[in-house]
Protein backbone atom coordinates (compact mmCIF):
# COMPACT_ATOMS: atom_id res chain seq x y z
CA MET A 1 0.00 0.00 0.00
CA LYS A 2 2.83 2.39 0.88
CA THR A 3 4.58 1.61 -2.39
CA THR A 4 1.43 2.33 -4.37
CA ALA A 5 0.87 5.63 -2.53
CA LYS A 6 4.49 6.68 -3.12
CA ALA A 7 4.25 5.79 -6.82
CA LEU A 8 1.00 7.72 -7.15
CA MET A 9 2.50 10.76 -5.42
CA MET A 10 5.56 10.67 -7.69
CA THR A 11 3.36 10.39 -10.77
CA LEU A 12 1.21 13.33 -9.70
CA ALA A 13 4.27 15.42 -8.80
CA THR A 14 5.91 14.90 -12.17
CA ALA A 15 2.64 15.34 -14.08
CA GLY A 16 2.23 18.80 -12.57
CA THR A 17 5.59 19.85 -13.91
CA ALA A 18 4.78 18.39 -17.31
CA TRP A 19 1.59 20.43 -17.50
CA ALA A 20 3.45 23.57 -16.43
CA ALA A 21 6.12 23.10 -19.09
CA SER A 22 3.77 22.21 -21.92
CA GLY A 23 4.65 25.37 -23.86
CA ALA A 24 1.03 26.31 -24.45
CA GLU A 25 0.77 30.03 -24.99
CA SER A 26 -2.18 32.24 -24.38
CA GLU A 27 -3.72 34.10 -27.30
CA GLY A 28 -3.83 37.39 -25.44
CA ASN A 29 -6.38 39.15 -23.32
CA GLY A 30 -10.04 38.42 -23.78
CA LEU A 31 -12.79 40.93 -24.35
CA LEU A 32 -13.70 41.02 -20.66
CA VAL A 33 -10.16 41.90 -19.56
CA THR A 34 -9.88 44.63 -22.18
CA SER A 35 -13.28 46.05 -21.20
CA PHE A 36 -12.31 46.07 -17.53
CA LEU A 37 -9.05 47.90 -18.22
CA ALA A 38 -10.81 50.42 -20.48
CA PHE A 39 -13.44 51.06 -17.78
CA GLY A 40 -10.67 51.67 -15.21
CA ALA A 41 -8.92 54.09 -17.56
CA LEU A 42 -12.20 55.91 -18.17
CA ILE A 43 -12.72 56.36 -14.43
CA ILE A 44 -9.20 57.78 -14.03
CA VAL A 45 -9.69 60.22 -16.92
CA LEU A 46 -13.06 61.37 -15.63
CA GLN A 47 -11.56 61.99 -12.17
CA LEU A 48 -8.64 63.86 -13.71
CA LEU A 49 -10.79 66.54 -15.37
CA PRO A 50 -12.35 67.98 -12.15
CA GLY A 51 -8.96 67.74 -10.50
CA LEU A 52 -7.38 69.87 -13.20
CA MET A 53 -10.23 72.38 -12.93
CA LEU A 54 -9.69 72.67 -9.17
CA PHE A 55 -5.95 73.03 -9.68
CA GLY A 56 -6.54 75.84 -12.19
CA ALA A 57 -8.87 77.61 -9.75
CA MET A 58 -6.23 77.29 -7.02
CA ILE A 59 -3.51 78.78 -9.23
CA LYS A 60 -5.88 81.58 -10.29
CA GLY A 61 -6.62 82.30 -6.62
CA LEU A 62 -2.92 82.53 -5.82
CA PHE A 63 -2.16 85.12 -8.49
CA ILE A 64 -5.29 87.31 -8.40
CA ARG A 65 -5.28 90.53 -6.39
CA PRO A 66 -7.49 90.51 -3.31
CA ALA A 67 -10.60 92.71 -3.39
CA LYS A 68 -10.88 95.82 -1.21
CA ASP A 69 -12.14 95.30 2.33
CA ILE A 70 -15.89 95.61 2.61
CA THR A 71 -17.21 97.00 5.90
CA THR A 72 -20.68 96.51 7.23
CA GLY A 73 -22.68 99.57 8.16
CA ALA A 74 -25.05 99.89 11.13
CA SER A 75 -28.07 98.84 9.10
CA GLY A 76 -26.36 95.66 7.92
CA ASN A 77 -25.93 96.87 4.35
CA GLU A 78 -22.50 96.50 2.88
CA THR A 79 -20.70 99.69 1.92
CA ALA A 80 -17.45 100.11 0.14
């Protein structure tokens, strides 16, 4: 029984290596993988646009001159 178990284990161990070294090559990515990667790229691009708009607003805010101080009168109306 032990000899049969050892022989079976050796056969299975060498068969695994034979399957791994068969040389079969994949034909490339399938449609699902390509669609998934395209969807991920679309999400990144769509998140990049608002980010660039916020960055532009930040740069504009850094280089624009501040407005004059506005004081509030007694009635609550703003006067310059």
